[in-house]
C-alpha atoms as a PDB file:
ATOM      1  CA  UNK A   1       9.683   5.803 -15.063  1.00  0.00           C
ATOM      2  CA  UNK A   2       9.355   2.386 -13.940  1.00  0.00           C
ATOM      3  CA  UNK A   3       7.074  -0.066 -15.123  1.00  0.00           C
ATOM      4  CA  UNK A   4       4.916  -2.033 -12.832  1.00  0.00           C
ATOM      5  CA  UNK A   5       4.286  -6.096 -13.899  1.00  0.00           C
ATOM      6  CA  UNK A   6       2.234  -8.752 -12.691  1.00  0.00           C
ATOM      7  CA  UNK A   7       3.260 -12.397 -12.660  1.00  0.00           C
ATOM      8  CA  UNK A   8       1.284 -15.224 -12.343  1.00  0.00           C
ATOM      9  CA  UNK A   9       2.133 -17.402  -9.139  1.00  0.00           C
ATOM     10  CA  UNK A  10       1.681 -20.754  -8.360  1.00  0.00           C
ATOM     11  CA  UNK A  11      -1.565 -19.894  -6.753  1.00  0.00           C
ATOM     12  CA  UNK A  12      -4.525 -19.266  -8.762  1.00  0.00           C
ATOM     13  CA  UNK A  13      -5.546 -15.113  -9.113  1.00  0.00           C
ATOM     14  CA  UNK A  14      -2.346 -14.479  -7.102  1.00  0.00           C
ATOM     15  CA  UNK A  15       0.557 -12.031  -8.522  1.00  0.00           C
ATOM     16  CA  UNK A  16       3.530 -11.217  -7.948  1.00  0.00           C
ATOM     17  CA  UNK A  17       4.119  -7.689  -8.386  1.00  0.00           C
ATOM     18  CA  UNK A  18       7.237  -6.097  -9.679  1.00  0.00           C
ATOM     19  CA  UNK A  19       8.508  -2.553 -10.583  1.00  0.00           C
ATOM     20  CA  UNK A  20      11.176  -2.649 -13.470  1.00  0.00           C
ATOM     21  CA  UNK A  21      14.029   0.223 -14.411  1.00  0.00           C
ATOM     22  CA  UNK A  22      14.654  -1.048 -17.265  1.00  0.00           C
ATOM     23  CA  UNK A  23      18.319  -2.988 -15.903  1.00  0.00           C
ATOM     24  CA  UNK A  24      16.632  -4.083 -12.915  1.00  0.00           C
ATOM     25  CA  UNK A  25      13.286  -5.964 -11.241  1.00  0.00           C
ATOM     26  CA  UNK A  26      12.123  -5.556  -7.913  1.00  0.00           C
ATOM     27  CA  UNK A  27       9.434  -7.711  -6.346  1.00  0.00           C
ATOM     28  CA  UNK A  28       7.434  -5.254  -4.469  1.00  0.00           C
ATOM     29  CA  UNK A  29       4.763  -7.596  -3.022  1.00  0.00           C
ATOM     30  CA  UNK A  30       1.547  -9.951  -4.102  1.00  0.00           C
ATOM     31  CA  UNK A  31      -1.684  -9.069  -5.794  1.00  0.00           C
ATOM     32  CA  UNK A  32      -4.638 -11.179  -4.663  1.00  0.00           C
ATOM     33  CA  UNK A  33      -7.241 -10.503  -7.574  1.00  0.00           C
ATOM     34  CA  UNK A  34      -9.925 -11.858  -5.880  1.00  0.00           C
ATOM     35  CA  UNK A  35     -10.043  -9.238  -2.847  1.00  0.00           C
ATOM     36  CA  UNK A  36      -8.125  -6.475  -4.758  1.00  0.00           C
ATOM     37  CA  UNK A  37      -5.720  -6.825  -2.175  1.00  0.00           C
ATOM     38  CA  UNK A  38      -1.944  -5.737  -2.710  1.00  0.00           C
ATOM     39  CA  UNK A  39      -0.156  -7.270   0.484  1.00  0.00           C
ATOM     40  CA  UNK A  40       3.509  -7.470   1.070  1.00  0.00           C
ATOM     41  CA  UNK A  41       6.079  -7.330   3.836  1.00  0.00           C
ATOM     42  CA  UNK A  42       8.109  -4.582   5.665  1.00  0.00           C
ATOM     43  CA  UNK A  43      10.529  -4.450   8.257  1.00  0.00           C
ATOM     44  CA  UNK A  44      11.533  -1.892  10.517  1.00  0.00           C
ATOM     45  CA  UNK A  45      15.354  -1.634  10.037  1.00  0.00           C
ATOM     46  CA  UNK A  46      14.739  -1.026   6.123  1.00  0.00           C
ATOM     47  CA  UNK A  47      11.253  -0.068   5.415  1.00  0.00           C
ATOM     48  CA  UNK A  48      10.374   2.767   8.796  1.00  0.00           C
ATOM     49  CA  UNK A  49      10.657   6.479   7.910  1.00  0.00           C
ATOM     50  CA  UNK A  50      11.496   6.944  11.100  1.00  0.00           C
ATOM     51  CA  UNK A  51      11.074  10.851  11.375  1.00  0.00           C
ATOM     52  CA  UNK A  52       7.842  10.351  11.128  1.00  0.00           C
ATOM     53  CA  UNK A  53       6.917   7.020  11.948  1.00  0.00           C
ATOM     54  CA  UNK A  54       5.954   6.140   8.693  1.00  0.00           C
ATOM     55  CA  UNK A  55       5.365   3.392   5.885  1.00  0.00           C
ATOM     56  CA  UNK A  56       5.447   3.827   2.485  1.00  0.00           C
ATOM     57  CA  UNK A  57       3.119   2.499  -0.667  1.00  0.00           C
ATOM     58  CA  UNK A  58       4.448   2.890  -4.375  1.00  0.00           C
ATOM     59  CA  UNK A  59       2.195   5.506  -5.829  1.00  0.00           C
ATOM     60  CA  UNK A  60       2.223   3.941  -9.221  1.00  0.00           C
ATOM     61  CA  UNK A  61       1.232   0.945  -7.398  1.00  0.00           C
ATOM     62  CA  UNK A  62      -2.176   2.643  -6.414  1.00  0.00           C
ATOM     63  CA  UNK A  63      -2.873   4.450  -9.692  1.00  0.00           C
ATOM     64  CA  UNK A  64      -2.210   1.065 -12.296  1.00  0.00           C
ATOM     65  CA  UNK A  65      -3.973  -1.698 -10.236  1.00  0.00           C
ATOM     66  CA  UNK A  66      -7.297  -2.010  -9.316  1.00  0.00           C
ATOM     67  CA  UNK A  67      -6.220  -2.240  -5.368  1.00  0.00           C
ATOM     68  CA  UNK A  68      -9.329  -1.633  -2.654  1.00  0.00           C
ATOM     69  CA  UNK A  69      -7.123  -3.203   0.044  1.00  0.00           C
ATOM     70  CA  UNK A  70      -3.369  -3.029   1.533  1.00  0.00           C
ATOM     71  CA  UNK A  71      -1.938  -5.511   3.735  1.00  0.00           C
ATOM     72  CA  UNK A  72       1.408  -5.314   4.921  1.00  0.00           C
ATOM     73  CA  UNK A  73       3.153  -7.891   7.476  1.00  0.00           C
ATOM     74  CA  UNK A  74       5.337  -5.555   9.704  1.00  0.00           C
ATOM     75  CA  UNK A  75       8.189  -7.109  11.858  1.00  0.00           C
ATOM     76  CA  UNK A  76       9.256  -3.957  14.348  1.00  0.00           C
ATOM     77  CA  UNK A  77      12.901  -3.749  16.119  1.00  0.00           C
ATOM     78  CA  UNK A  78      12.147  -6.740  18.354  1.00  0.00           C
ATOM     79  CA  UNK A  79      11.189  -9.143  15.914  1.00  0.00           C
ATOM     80  CA  UNK A  80       6.911  -8.836  16.635  1.00  0.00           C
ATOM     81  CA  UNK A  81       5.373  -9.311  13.515  1.00  0.00           C
ATOM     82  CA  UNK A  82       1.926  -6.989  13.346  1.00  0.00           C
ATOM     83  CA  UNK A  83      -0.374  -7.521  10.286  1.00  0.00           C
ATOM     84  CA  UNK A  84      -1.294  -3.112   9.245  1.00  0.00           C
ATOM     85  CA  UNK A  85      -4.224  -2.918   7.077  1.00  0.00           C
ATOM     86  CA  UNK A  86      -5.906  -0.096   5.628  1.00  0.00           C
ATOM     87  CA  UNK A  87      -7.772   0.879   2.132  1.00  0.00           C
ATOM     88  CA  UNK A  88      -6.576   2.124  -1.021  1.00  0.00           C
ATOM     89  CA  UNK A  89      -9.463   5.310  -0.129  1.00  0.00           C
ATOM     90  CA  UNK A  90      -8.032   5.962   3.953  1.00  0.00           C
ATOM     91  CA  UNK A  91      -4.421   5.731   2.702  1.00  0.00           C
ATOM     92  CA  UNK A  92      -4.572   8.239  -0.457  1.00  0.00           C
ATOM     93  CA  UNK A  93      -6.932  10.553   1.794  1.00  0.00           C
ATOM     94  CA  UNK A  94      -4.856  10.511   4.919  1.00  0.00           C
ATOM     95  CA  UNK A  95      -1.176   9.650   3.959  1.00  0.00           C
ATOM     96  CA  UNK A  96       1.328  11.997   2.549  1.00  0.00           C
ATOM     97  CA  UNK A  97       2.831  12.220  -0.760  1.00  0.00           C
ATOM     98  CA  UNK A  98       6.867  11.916  -1.153  1.00  0.00           C
ATOM     99  CA  UNK A  99       9.396  11.373  -3.351  1.00  0.00           C
ATOM    100  CA  UNK A 100      13.331  10.567  -2.661  1.00  0.00           C
ATOM    101  CA  UNK A 101      16.425  10.244  -4.272  1.00  0.00           C
ATOM    102  CA  UNK A 102      16.867   6.833  -2.669  1.00  0.00           C
ATOM    103  CA  UNK A 103      14.160   5.619  -4.711  1.00  0.00           C
ATOM    104  CA  UNK A 104      15.099   7.623  -7.512  1.00  0.00           C
ATOM    105  CA  UNK A 105      12.542   9.943  -7.042  1.00  0.00           C
ATOM    106  CA  UNK A 106       9.458   7.322  -7.558  1.00  0.00           C
ATOM    107  CA  UNK A 107       6.273   8.864  -5.739  1.00  0.00           C
ATOM    108  CA  UNK A 108       5.299   7.154  -2.877  1.00  0.00           C
ATOM    109  CA  UNK A 109       2.525   7.155   0.075  1.00  0.00           C
ATOM    110  CA  UNK A 110       3.563   7.728   3.761  1.00  0.00           C
ATOM    111  CA  UNK A 111       1.034   6.482   6.781  1.00  0.00           C
ATOM    112  CA  UNK A 112       2.066   6.618  10.065  1.00  0.00           C
ATOM    113  CA  UNK A 113       2.000   2.825  11.323  1.00  0.00           C
ATOM    114  CA  UNK A 114      -0.251   4.128  13.689  1.00  0.00           C
ATOM    115  CA  UNK A 115      -2.813   5.049  11.395  1.00  0.00           C
ATOM    116  CA  UNK A 116      -2.984   1.644   9.900  1.00  0.00           C
ATOM    117  CA  UNK A 117      -6.510   0.415  10.931  1.00  0.00           C
ATOM    118  CA  UNK A 118      -8.934  -1.464   9.137  1.00  0.00           C
ATOM    119  CA  UNK A 119     -11.880  -0.444  11.524  1.00  0.00           C
ATOM    120  CA  UNK A 120     -10.418   3.518  10.383  1.00  0.00           C
ATOM    121  CA  UNK A 121     -10.542   2.470   6.660  1.00  0.00           C
ATOM    122  CA  UNK A 122     -14.187   0.839   7.073  1.00  0.00           C
ATOM    123  CA  UNK A 123     -15.504   3.799   8.432  1.00  0.00           C
ATOM    124  CA  UNK A 124     -14.389   6.348   6.271  1.00  0.00           C
ATOM    125  CA  UNK A 125     -14.873   4.441   3.640  1.00  0.00           C
ATOM    126  CA  UNK A 126     -18.313   4.299   5.015  1.00  0.00           C
ATOM    127  CA  UNK A 127     -18.497   8.521   5.119  1.00  0.00           C
ATOM    128  CA  UNK A 128     -17.596   8.051   1.698  1.00  0.00           C
ATOM    129  CA  UNK A 129     -20.990   6.167   0.624  1.00  0.00           C
ATOM    130  CA  UNK A 130     -23.245   7.870   2.942  1.00  0.00           C
ATOM    131  CA  UNK A 131     -22.269  11.128   1.451  1.00  0.00           C
ATOM    132  CA  UNK A 132     -24.587  11.244  -1.528  1.00  0.00           C
ATOM    133  CA  UNK A 133     -27.587  10.514   0.215  1.00  0.00           C
ATOM    134  CA  UNK A 134     -27.210  13.675   2.628  1.00  0.00           C
ATOM    135  CA  UNK A 135     -27.974  15.775  -0.972  1.00  0.00           C
ATOM    136  CA  UNK A 136     -30.228  13.453  -2.372  1.00  0.00           C
ATOM    137  CA  UNK A 137     -34.214  15.033  -2.598  1.00  0.00           C
END
């Protein structure tokens, strides 16, 4: 089991997020406490799961931090940078869970690049929040 740790940065309420297996530590992104946003950088060559066109977020991160939003600055093969954003709720609902030997069977949630959309995430959140009113009397 890997350990998730937060380390303060020079900016107030912004933390570096790291995963440690006891032997090495890997910084996987930043956590912005005020907005409850996890942000990270990904690139096509290293991070794109080509068979599904997906990017992954560590499942442990989603369960241990009070994250609401996820923002990925993604660099494609041509060098263009795209801002991909979604909510934790949307990622958990529409993403696919998988674990691979190359990540020491660390569970990840994969979401197709085309599914990253703040509009979709907000719409989904509104649908979730409106559901209880359907059954209230």
